[in-house]
Amino acid sequence: MSPKSVHNPLEAVRVKTLDEVATLLRVSRGSAYAAAKKGEIPTIRIGRRLLVPLAALDRLLGEQAG
């Protein structure tokens, strides 16, 4: 079995910082933080960091497009 065929759950967890997501969405940093506060951008907090799970962001954007 090759190392690439072994499933590593940590590899499946893809996150970005809220600042990175703001850049991806082409909105200001302040707008991204405001949207996160309102629950419009899904976030998880680890310590002082706000992270955005990309799977949740993908689902959200898919819903917005449809």
PDB file of N, CA and C in Angstrom:
ATOM      1  N   MET A   1       0.853  -1.168   0.000  1.00  0.00           N
ATOM      2  CA  MET A   1       0.000   0.000   0.000  1.00  0.00           C
ATOM      3  C   MET A   1       0.899   1.232   0.000  1.00  0.00           C
ATOM      4  N   SER A   2       0.656   2.143  -0.910  1.00  0.00           N
ATOM      5  CA  SER A   2       1.485   3.342  -0.994  1.00  0.00           C
ATOM      6  C   SER A   2       1.060   4.342   0.072  1.00  0.00           C
ATOM      7  N   PRO A   3       1.984   5.207   0.514  1.00  0.00           N
ATOM      8  CA  PRO A   3       1.643   6.184   1.546  1.00  0.00           C
ATOM      9  C   PRO A   3       0.505   7.123   1.143  1.00  0.00           C
ATOM     10  N   LYS A   4       0.361   7.399  -0.151  1.00  0.00           N
ATOM     11  CA  LYS A   4      -0.704   8.295  -0.592  1.00  0.00           C
ATOM     12  C   LYS A   4      -2.084   7.667  -0.458  1.00  0.00           C
ATOM     13  N   SER A   5      -2.163   6.342  -0.427  1.00  0.00           N
ATOM     14  CA  SER A   5      -3.470   5.702  -0.341  1.00  0.00           C
ATOM     15  C   SER A   5      -3.952   5.590   1.106  1.00  0.00           C
ATOM     16  N   VAL A   6      -3.118   5.891   2.071  1.00  0.00           N
ATOM     17  CA  VAL A   6      -3.515   5.852   3.476  1.00  0.00           C
ATOM     18  C   VAL A   6      -4.254   7.143   3.793  1.00  0.00           C
ATOM     19  N   HIS A   7      -5.453   6.993   4.336  1.00  0.00           N
ATOM     20  CA  HIS A   7      -6.265   8.165   4.652  1.00  0.00           C
ATOM     21  C   HIS A   7      -5.793   8.787   5.961  1.00  0.00           C
ATOM     22  N   ASN A   8      -5.457  10.048   5.904  1.00  0.00           N
ATOM     23  CA  ASN A   8      -5.055  10.800   7.079  1.00  0.00           C
ATOM     24  C   ASN A   8      -6.129  11.849   7.341  1.00  0.00           C
ATOM     25  N   PRO A   9      -6.893  11.724   8.445  1.00  0.00           N
ATOM     26  CA  PRO A   9      -7.985  12.676   8.690  1.00  0.00           C
ATOM     27  C   PRO A   9      -7.508  14.115   8.806  1.00  0.00           C
ATOM     28  N   LEU A  10      -6.293  14.332   9.252  1.00  0.00           N
ATOM     29  CA  LEU A  10      -5.808  15.705   9.374  1.00  0.00           C
ATOM     30  C   LEU A  10      -5.595  16.357   8.021  1.00  0.00           C
ATOM     31  N   GLU A  11      -5.315  15.568   6.999  1.00  0.00           N
ATOM     32  CA  GLU A  11      -5.156  16.128   5.659  1.00  0.00           C
ATOM     33  C   GLU A  11      -6.497  16.605   5.115  1.00  0.00           C
ATOM     34  N   ALA A  12      -7.587  16.003   5.584  1.00  0.00           N
ATOM     35  CA  ALA A  12      -8.910  16.379   5.096  1.00  0.00           C
ATOM     36  C   ALA A  12      -9.384  17.689   5.703  1.00  0.00           C
ATOM     37  N   VAL A  13      -8.803  18.084   6.824  1.00  0.00           N
ATOM     38  CA  VAL A  13      -9.202  19.322   7.476  1.00  0.00           C
ATOM     39  C   VAL A  13      -8.457  20.472   6.829  1.00  0.00           C
ATOM     40  N   ARG A  14      -9.185  21.232   6.056  1.00  0.00           N
ATOM     41  CA  ARG A  14      -8.586  22.381   5.380  1.00  0.00           C
ATOM     42  C   ARG A  14      -9.203  23.631   5.979  1.00  0.00           C
ATOM     43  N   VAL A  15      -8.372  24.501   6.478  1.00  0.00           N
ATOM     44  CA  VAL A  15      -8.853  25.748   7.051  1.00  0.00           C
ATOM     45  C   VAL A  15      -8.033  26.913   6.519  1.00  0.00           C
ATOM     46  N   LYS A  16      -8.627  28.074   6.551  1.00  0.00           N
ATOM     47  CA  LYS A  16      -7.951  29.320   6.205  1.00  0.00           C
ATOM     48  C   LYS A  16      -8.254  30.316   7.321  1.00  0.00           C
ATOM     49  N   THR A  17      -7.388  31.301   7.442  1.00  0.00           N
ATOM     50  CA  THR A  17      -7.674  32.374   8.385  1.00  0.00           C
ATOM     51  C   THR A  17      -8.763  33.256   7.798  1.00  0.00           C
ATOM     52  N   LEU A  18      -9.385  34.029   8.644  1.00  0.00           N
ATOM     53  CA  LEU A  18     -10.431  34.928   8.175  1.00  0.00           C
ATOM     54  C   LEU A  18      -9.853  35.982   7.235  1.00  0.00           C
ATOM     55  N   ASP A  19      -8.623  36.398   7.477  1.00  0.00           N
ATOM     56  CA  ASP A  19      -7.974  37.346   6.566  1.00  0.00           C
ATOM     57  C   ASP A  19      -7.785  36.731   5.180  1.00  0.00           C
ATOM     58  N   GLU A  20      -7.379  35.451   5.129  1.00  0.00           N
ATOM     59  CA  GLU A  20      -7.209  34.772   3.836  1.00  0.00           C
ATOM     60  C   GLU A  20      -8.536  34.642   3.109  1.00  0.00           C
ATOM     61  N   VAL A  21      -9.600  34.353   3.858  1.00  0.00           N
ATOM     62  CA  VAL A  21     -10.925  34.224   3.253  1.00  0.00           C
ATOM     63  C   VAL A  21     -11.397  35.579   2.722  1.00  0.00           C
ATOM     64  N   ALA A  22     -11.103  36.644   3.450  1.00  0.00           N
ATOM     65  CA  ALA A  22     -11.466  37.980   2.967  1.00  0.00           C
ATOM     66  C   ALA A  22     -10.827  38.234   1.604  1.00  0.00           C
ATOM     67  N   THR A  23      -9.566  37.862   1.464  1.00  0.00           N
ATOM     68  CA  THR A  23      -8.877  38.028   0.188  1.00  0.00           C
ATOM     69  C   THR A  23      -9.527  37.171  -0.897  1.00  0.00           C
ATOM     70  N   LEU A  24      -9.840  35.908  -0.563  1.00  0.00           N
ATOM     71  CA  LEU A  24     -10.488  35.014  -1.532  1.00  0.00           C
ATOM     72  C   LEU A  24     -11.833  35.560  -1.996  1.00  0.00           C
ATOM     73  N   LEU A  25     -12.578  36.133  -1.066  1.00  0.00           N
ATOM     74  CA  LEU A  25     -13.912  36.639  -1.388  1.00  0.00           C
ATOM     75  C   LEU A  25     -13.884  38.065  -1.927  1.00  0.00           C
ATOM     76  N   ARG A  26     -12.700  38.665  -1.917  1.00  0.00           N
ATOM     77  CA  ARG A  26     -12.517  40.034  -2.388  1.00  0.00           C
ATOM     78  C   ARG A  26     -13.381  41.024  -1.617  1.00  0.00           C
ATOM     79  N   VAL A  27     -13.358  40.862  -0.293  1.00  0.00           N
ATOM     80  CA  VAL A  27     -14.014  41.804   0.602  1.00  0.00           C
ATOM     81  C   VAL A  27     -12.966  42.313   1.587  1.00  0.00           C
ATOM     82  N   SER A  28     -13.276  43.402   2.258  1.00  0.00           N
ATOM     83  CA  SER A  28     -12.330  43.946   3.220  1.00  0.00           C
ATOM     84  C   SER A  28     -12.244  43.036   4.446  1.00  0.00           C
ATOM     85  N   ARG A  29     -11.154  43.207   5.161  1.00  0.00           N
ATOM     86  CA  ARG A  29     -10.950  42.437   6.396  1.00  0.00           C
ATOM     87  C   ARG A  29     -12.094  42.721   7.374  1.00  0.00           C
ATOM     88  N   GLY A  30     -12.473  43.984   7.493  1.00  0.00           N
ATOM     89  CA  GLY A  30     -13.563  44.370   8.392  1.00  0.00           C
ATOM     90  C   GLY A  30     -14.888  43.741   8.001  1.00  0.00           C
ATOM     91  N   SER A  31     -15.156  43.688   6.705  1.00  0.00           N
ATOM     92  CA  SER A  31     -16.394  43.061   6.221  1.00  0.00           C
ATOM     93  C   SER A  31     -16.411  41.571   6.534  1.00  0.00           C
ATOM     94  N   ALA A  32     -15.264  40.929   6.385  1.00  0.00           N
ATOM     95  CA  ALA A  32     -15.174  39.499   6.677  1.00  0.00           C
ATOM     96  C   ALA A  32     -15.418  39.232   8.158  1.00  0.00           C
ATOM     97  N   TYR A  33     -14.821  40.037   9.028  1.00  0.00           N
ATOM     98  CA  TYR A  33     -15.028  39.857  10.467  1.00  0.00           C
ATOM     99  C   TYR A  33     -16.467  40.154  10.857  1.00  0.00           C
ATOM    100  N   ALA A  34     -17.073  41.161  10.233  1.00  0.00           N
ATOM    101  CA  ALA A  34     -18.481  41.472  10.505  1.00  0.00           C
ATOM    102  C   ALA A  34     -19.382  40.321  10.059  1.00  0.00           C
ATOM    103  N   ALA A  35     -19.103  39.759   8.889  1.00  0.00           N
ATOM    104  CA  ALA A  35     -19.894  38.627   8.391  1.00  0.00           C
ATOM    105  C   ALA A  35     -19.724  37.405   9.286  1.00  0.00           C
ATOM    106  N   ALA A  36     -18.517  37.190   9.786  1.00  0.00           N
ATOM    107  CA  ALA A  36     -18.279  36.069  10.699  1.00  0.00           C
ATOM    108  C   ALA A  36     -19.047  36.273  12.002  1.00  0.00           C
ATOM    109  N   LYS A  37     -19.048  37.497  12.498  1.00  0.00           N
ATOM    110  CA  LYS A  37     -19.763  37.801  13.742  1.00  0.00           C
ATOM    111  C   LYS A  37     -21.257  37.553  13.593  1.00  0.00           C
ATOM    112  N   LYS A  38     -21.799  37.848  12.397  1.00  0.00           N
ATOM    113  CA  LYS A  38     -23.228  37.631  12.124  1.00  0.00           C
ATOM    114  C   LYS A  38     -23.542  36.178  11.772  1.00  0.00           C
ATOM    115  N   GLY A  39     -22.498  35.356  11.621  1.00  0.00           N
ATOM    116  CA  GLY A  39     -22.708  33.958  11.268  1.00  0.00           C
ATOM    117  C   GLY A  39     -22.812  33.719   9.773  1.00  0.00           C
ATOM    118  N   GLU A  40     -22.521  34.724   8.974  1.00  0.00           N
ATOM    119  CA  GLU A  40     -22.598  34.583   7.522  1.00  0.00           C
ATOM    120  C   GLU A  40     -21.401  33.832   6.954  1.00  0.00           C
ATOM    121  N   ILE A  41     -20.276  33.892   7.639  1.00  0.00           N
ATOM    122  CA  ILE A  41     -19.097  33.098   7.286  1.00  0.00           C
ATOM    123  C   ILE A  41     -18.871  32.126   8.432  1.00  0.00           C
ATOM    124  N   PRO A  42     -18.867  30.826   8.146  1.00  0.00           N
ATOM    125  CA  PRO A  42     -18.691  29.840   9.219  1.00  0.00           C
ATOM    126  C   PRO A  42     -17.256  29.872   9.759  1.00  0.00           C
ATOM    127  N   THR A  43     -17.130  29.929  11.069  1.00  0.00           N
ATOM    128  CA  THR A  43     -15.802  29.972  11.684  1.00  0.00           C
ATOM    129  C   THR A  43     -15.717  29.014  12.855  1.00  0.00           C
ATOM    130  N   ILE A  44     -14.483  28.664  13.184  1.00  0.00           N
ATOM    131  CA  ILE A  44     -14.193  27.960  14.432  1.00  0.00           C
ATOM    132  C   ILE A  44     -13.118  28.770  15.138  1.00  0.00           C
ATOM    133  N   ARG A  45     -13.195  28.803  16.448  1.00  0.00           N
ATOM    134  CA  ARG A  45     -12.212  29.544  17.226  1.00  0.00           C
ATOM    135  C   ARG A  45     -11.279  28.557  17.901  1.00  0.00           C
ATOM    136  N   ILE A  46     -10.002  28.773  17.696  1.00  0.00           N
ATOM    137  CA  ILE A  46      -8.973  27.999  18.385  1.00  0.00           C
ATOM    138  C   ILE A  46      -8.091  29.031  19.078  1.00  0.00           C
ATOM    139  N   GLY A  47      -8.222  29.092  20.380  1.00  0.00           N
ATOM    140  CA  GLY A  47      -7.521  30.138  21.111  1.00  0.00           C
ATOM    141  C   GLY A  47      -8.061  31.480  20.685  1.00  0.00           C
ATOM    142  N   ARG A  48      -7.176  32.344  20.243  1.00  0.00           N
ATOM    143  CA  ARG A  48      -7.585  33.674  19.784  1.00  0.00           C
ATOM    144  C   ARG A  48      -7.808  33.727  18.277  1.00  0.00           C
ATOM    145  N   ARG A  49      -7.518  32.629  17.605  1.00  0.00           N
ATOM    146  CA  ARG A  49      -7.612  32.619  16.134  1.00  0.00           C
ATOM    147  C   ARG A  49      -8.994  32.213  15.669  1.00  0.00           C
ATOM    148  N   LEU A  50      -9.488  32.918  14.676  1.00  0.00           N
ATOM    149  CA  LEU A  50     -10.717  32.534  13.989  1.00  0.00           C
ATOM    150  C   LEU A  50     -10.315  31.871  12.691  1.00  0.00           C
ATOM    151  N   LEU A  51     -10.743  30.624  12.515  1.00  0.00           N
ATOM    152  CA  LEU A  51     -10.418  29.873  11.308  1.00  0.00           C
ATOM    153  C   LEU A  51     -11.702  29.519  10.574  1.00  0.00           C
ATOM    154  N   VAL A  52     -11.591  29.424   9.271  1.00  0.00           N
ATOM    155  CA  VAL A  52     -12.741  29.098   8.426  1.00  0.00           C
ATOM    156  C   VAL A  52     -12.499  27.735   7.795  1.00  0.00           C
ATOM    157  N   PRO A  53     -13.327  26.739   8.146  1.00  0.00           N
ATOM    158  CA  PRO A  53     -13.211  25.438   7.489  1.00  0.00           C
ATOM    159  C   PRO A  53     -13.622  25.581   6.025  1.00  0.00           C
ATOM    160  N   LEU A  54     -12.748  25.193   5.123  1.00  0.00           N
ATOM    161  CA  LEU A  54     -13.029  25.390   3.700  1.00  0.00           C
ATOM    162  C   LEU A  54     -14.198  24.548   3.214  1.00  0.00           C
ATOM    163  N   ALA A  55     -14.407  23.386   3.813  1.00  0.00           N
ATOM    164  CA  ALA A  55     -15.556  22.561   3.412  1.00  0.00           C
ATOM    165  C   ALA A  55     -16.862  23.308   3.697  1.00  0.00           C
ATOM    166  N   ALA A  56     -16.949  23.957   4.849  1.00  0.00           N
ATOM    167  CA  ALA A  56     -18.149  24.725   5.193  1.00  0.00           C
ATOM    168  C   ALA A  56     -18.298  25.935   4.281  1.00  0.00           C
ATOM    169  N   LEU A  57     -17.185  26.581   3.961  1.00  0.00           N
ATOM    170  CA  LEU A  57     -17.228  27.732   3.060  1.00  0.00           C
ATOM    171  C   LEU A  57     -17.665  27.291   1.657  1.00  0.00           C
ATOM    172  N   ASP A  58     -17.153  26.153   1.195  1.00  0.00           N
ATOM    173  CA  ASP A  58     -17.563  25.616  -0.112  1.00  0.00           C
ATOM    174  C   ASP A  58     -19.067  25.362  -0.147  1.00  0.00           C
ATOM    175  N   ARG A  59     -19.603  24.757   0.929  1.00  0.00           N
ATOM    176  CA  ARG A  59     -21.049  24.491   0.991  1.00  0.00           C
ATOM    177  C   ARG A  59     -21.836  25.799   0.974  1.00  0.00           C
ATOM    178  N   LEU A  60     -21.381  26.772   1.742  1.00  0.00           N
ATOM    179  CA  LEU A  60     -22.054  28.059   1.801  1.00  0.00           C
ATOM    180  C   LEU A  60     -22.086  28.725   0.437  1.00  0.00           C
ATOM    181  N   LEU A  61     -20.960  28.745  -0.234  1.00  0.00           N
ATOM    182  CA  LEU A  61     -20.890  29.375  -1.549  1.00  0.00           C
ATOM    183  C   LEU A  61     -21.715  28.612  -2.573  1.00  0.00           C
ATOM    184  N   GLY A  62     -21.777  27.292  -2.442  1.00  0.00           N
ATOM    185  CA  GLY A  62     -22.614  26.484  -3.325  1.00  0.00           C
ATOM    186  C   GLY A  62     -24.085  26.807  -3.148  1.00  0.00           C
ATOM    187  N   GLU A  63     -24.505  27.027  -1.887  1.00  0.00           N
ATOM    188  CA  GLU A  63     -25.884  27.395  -1.612  1.00  0.00           C
ATOM    189  C   GLU A  63     -26.202  28.775  -2.176  1.00  0.00           C
ATOM    190  N   GLN A  64     -25.252  29.695  -2.081  1.00  0.00           N
ATOM    191  CA  GLN A  64     -25.464  31.055  -2.570  1.00  0.00           C
ATOM    192  C   GLN A  64     -25.583  31.081  -4.094  1.00  0.00           C
ATOM    193  N   ALA A  65     -24.851  30.183  -4.753  1.00  0.00           N
ATOM    194  CA  ALA A  65     -24.864  30.166  -6.227  1.00  0.00           C
ATOM    195  C   ALA A  65     -26.149  29.526  -6.760  1.00  0.00           C
ATOM    196  N   GLY A  66     -26.714  28.600  -5.990  1.00  0.00           N
ATOM    197  CA  GLY A  66     -27.864  27.842  -6.463  1.00  0.00           C
ATOM    198  C   GLY A  66     -29.184  28.449  -6.219  1.00  0.00           C
TER     199      GLY A  66
END
